Protein backbone atom coordinates (compact mmCIF):
# COMPACT_ATOMS: atom_id res chain seq x y z
CA MET A 1 -154.09 72.60 -43.72
CA VAL A 2 -151.34 71.50 -46.12
CA LEU A 3 -151.61 73.06 -49.55
CA ALA A 4 -148.14 72.13 -50.81
CA GLY A 5 -147.77 68.82 -52.56
CA LYS A 6 -145.63 66.61 -54.69
CA VAL A 7 -146.72 63.88 -57.10
CA GLN A 8 -144.56 61.64 -59.23
CA ALA A 9 -144.95 59.11 -62.01
CA GLU A 10 -142.64 57.23 -64.29
CA THR A 11 -142.73 55.11 -67.39
CA LEU A 12 -140.23 52.85 -69.10
CA ILE A 13 -139.53 53.61 -72.75
CA ARG A 14 -137.37 52.10 -75.51
CA ALA A 15 -135.86 55.33 -76.86
CA PRO A 16 -132.33 56.24 -75.78
CA ALA A 17 -132.22 58.58 -72.78
CA ASP A 18 -130.16 61.19 -74.66
CA LYS A 19 -132.69 61.46 -77.49
CA PHE A 20 -135.70 61.72 -75.19
CA HIS A 21 -134.00 64.30 -72.96
CA GLU A 22 -133.04 66.35 -76.02
CA MET A 23 -136.68 66.59 -77.12
CA PHE A 24 -137.59 68.55 -73.98
CA TRP A 25 -134.23 70.29 -73.61
CA LYS A 26 -133.35 71.53 -77.10
CA ARG A 27 -136.32 70.66 -79.34
CA PRO A 28 -139.61 71.02 -77.43
CA HIS A 29 -141.09 72.83 -80.44
CA HIS A 30 -140.89 69.49 -82.33
CA ILE A 31 -143.20 67.78 -79.83
CA SER A 32 -146.30 69.29 -81.47
CA ASN A 33 -145.31 67.45 -84.67
CA VAL A 34 -144.81 64.19 -82.77
CA SER A 35 -148.03 64.36 -80.74
CA PRO A 36 -150.36 67.00 -82.25
CA GLN A 37 -153.40 65.60 -80.44
CA ASN A 38 -151.69 66.44 -77.13
CA ILE A 39 -149.50 69.45 -77.93
CA GLN A 40 -151.07 71.88 -80.40
CA LYS A 41 -148.25 74.40 -80.25
CA CYS A 42 -145.01 75.08 -78.45
CA HIS A 43 -143.17 78.32 -79.06
CA LEU A 44 -140.29 80.26 -77.63
CA HIS A 45 -141.44 83.45 -75.92
CA GLU A 46 -138.02 84.58 -74.71
CA GLY A 47 -134.43 83.34 -74.84
CA ASP A 48 -133.03 80.47 -76.91
CA TRP A 49 -134.07 76.82 -77.26
CA GLY A 50 -132.12 74.70 -74.78
CA SER A 51 -131.00 77.63 -72.62
CA LEU A 52 -131.48 78.27 -68.93
CA GLY A 53 -133.96 81.08 -68.31
CA SER A 54 -135.76 80.65 -71.63
CA VAL A 55 -139.52 81.08 -71.57
CA ILE A 56 -141.62 78.52 -73.46
CA VAL A 57 -145.37 78.68 -74.13
CA TRP A 58 -147.24 75.39 -74.50
CA ASN A 59 -150.74 74.95 -75.94
CA TYR A 60 -151.98 71.49 -75.00
CA ALA A 61 -155.13 69.41 -74.68
CA ILE A 62 -156.27 67.05 -71.93
CA ASP A 63 -159.53 65.14 -72.38
CA GLY A 64 -160.59 67.44 -75.22
CA ASN A 65 -160.06 70.64 -73.23
CA THR A 66 -157.36 73.08 -74.32
CA PHE A 67 -154.93 74.78 -71.96
CA VAL A 68 -151.97 77.15 -72.05
CA ALA A 69 -148.86 77.18 -69.87
CA LYS A 70 -145.98 79.63 -69.93
CA GLU A 71 -142.90 78.13 -68.31
CA ILE A 72 -139.39 79.28 -67.57
CA VAL A 73 -136.55 76.78 -67.86
CA GLU A 74 -135.31 76.95 -64.29
CA ALA A 75 -132.66 74.22 -64.29
CA ILE A 76 -130.89 71.98 -66.79
CA ASP A 77 -128.62 69.15 -65.69
CA GLU A 78 -127.10 67.59 -68.80
CA LYS A 79 -125.14 64.96 -66.85
CA ASN A 80 -128.21 63.66 -64.96
CA LYS A 81 -130.53 64.33 -67.91
CA SER A 82 -132.93 66.47 -65.94
CA ILE A 83 -134.84 69.68 -66.61
CA THR A 84 -136.93 71.83 -64.29
CA PHE A 85 -139.69 74.07 -65.60
CA LYS A 86 -141.48 76.64 -63.45
CA VAL A 87 -144.96 77.64 -64.61
CA ILE A 88 -145.17 81.45 -64.58
CA GLU A 89 -148.54 81.94 -66.34
CA GLY A 90 -151.42 79.87 -67.58
CA ASP A 91 -154.40 77.76 -66.73
CA ILE A 92 -152.70 75.63 -64.04
CA LEU A 93 -152.08 78.78 -61.99
CA LYS A 94 -155.82 79.35 -61.73
CA GLU A 95 -155.74 76.61 -59.06
CA HIS A 96 -152.13 76.77 -57.87
CA LYS A 97 -150.00 79.43 -56.25
CA SER A 98 -146.87 77.78 -57.63
CA PHE A 99 -146.17 74.85 -59.95
CA LYS A 100 -142.90 73.20 -60.98
CA ILE A 101 -142.41 70.34 -63.42
CA LEU A 102 -139.29 68.22 -63.10
CA LEU A 103 -138.25 65.72 -65.74
CA GLN A 104 -135.45 63.22 -65.27
CA VAL A 105 -134.49 60.61 -67.85
CA ILE A 106 -132.50 57.63 -66.53
CA PRO A 107 -130.82 55.01 -68.76
CA LYS A 108 -131.72 51.47 -67.62
CA GLY A 109 -129.90 48.96 -69.82
CA ASP A 110 -131.82 48.64 -73.09
CA PHE A 111 -134.57 50.93 -71.78
CA THR A 112 -134.99 54.42 -70.37
CA LEU A 113 -136.90 55.43 -67.26
CA VAL A 114 -138.78 58.71 -67.67
CA HIS A 115 -139.52 60.22 -64.27
CA TRP A 116 -141.92 63.18 -63.92
CA THR A 117 -142.40 65.14 -60.69
CA PHE A 118 -144.79 67.99 -59.93
CA GLU A 119 -144.09 70.24 -56.95
CA TYR A 120 -146.95 72.63 -56.29
CA GLU A 121 -148.91 74.72 -53.86
CA LYS A 122 -152.69 74.72 -54.27
CA LEU A 123 -154.77 77.85 -53.77
CA ASN A 124 -157.15 75.97 -51.46
CA LYS A 125 -157.69 72.54 -49.95
CA ASP A 126 -160.56 71.64 -52.31
CA ILE A 127 -158.34 71.54 -55.38
CA PRO A 128 -157.40 67.95 -56.28
CA ALA A 129 -153.84 66.79 -56.79
CA PRO A 130 -152.80 67.26 -60.45
CA LEU A 131 -152.98 63.55 -61.31
CA LYS A 132 -154.74 64.10 -64.64
CA GLU A 133 -151.89 66.38 -65.75
CA LEU A 134 -149.33 63.82 -64.60
CA GLY A 135 -151.09 61.09 -66.59
CA PHE A 136 -151.05 63.42 -69.58
CA LEU A 137 -147.25 63.67 -69.43
CA ILE A 138 -146.88 59.90 -69.14
CA HIS A 139 -149.09 59.49 -72.22
CA LEU A 140 -147.10 62.19 -74.05
CA SER A 141 -143.85 60.43 -73.11
CA GLU A 142 -145.14 57.24 -74.72
CA HIS A 143 -146.02 59.13 -77.94
CA ILE A 144 -142.52 60.62 -78.06
CA ASP A 145 -141.05 57.18 -77.42
CA ASP A 146 -143.01 55.73 -80.38
CA HIS A 147 -141.70 58.52 -82.59
CA LEU A 148 -138.08 58.16 -81.48
CA ALA A 149 -138.20 54.38 -81.82
CA GLN A 150 -139.16 54.79 -85.50
CA ALA A 151 -136.40 57.35 -86.18
């Protein structure tokens, strides 16, 4: 029985790759202002914004239900515009033994490709793949894009 999994999704946005990447890298606490219906709060629990090893707590809503995730910034690759978060506490760990979120932002001419990947291990075989959560991040990416396009 395979409990480990990986799901991916991507969306094309208009905002410059650098600006989008910076929102998750150095300014995630601004995302609750950009998309308050999705992110109610984002605060720094430990470390500094934009630093490896920092711990960030997210309060978010999916389909009207509220959740919390505490994540450590596990990797930052400024050149490739990628960030890896490892969930260390929160609602998602009620169904998963481990959960990583990888974001990569890729310039594509006049557009930017936002690529999200979840790597996880479920606690049991009856737990569905986290597709709802992945769709949430695609939707959030589009809200951030709308905000950055107006800036």
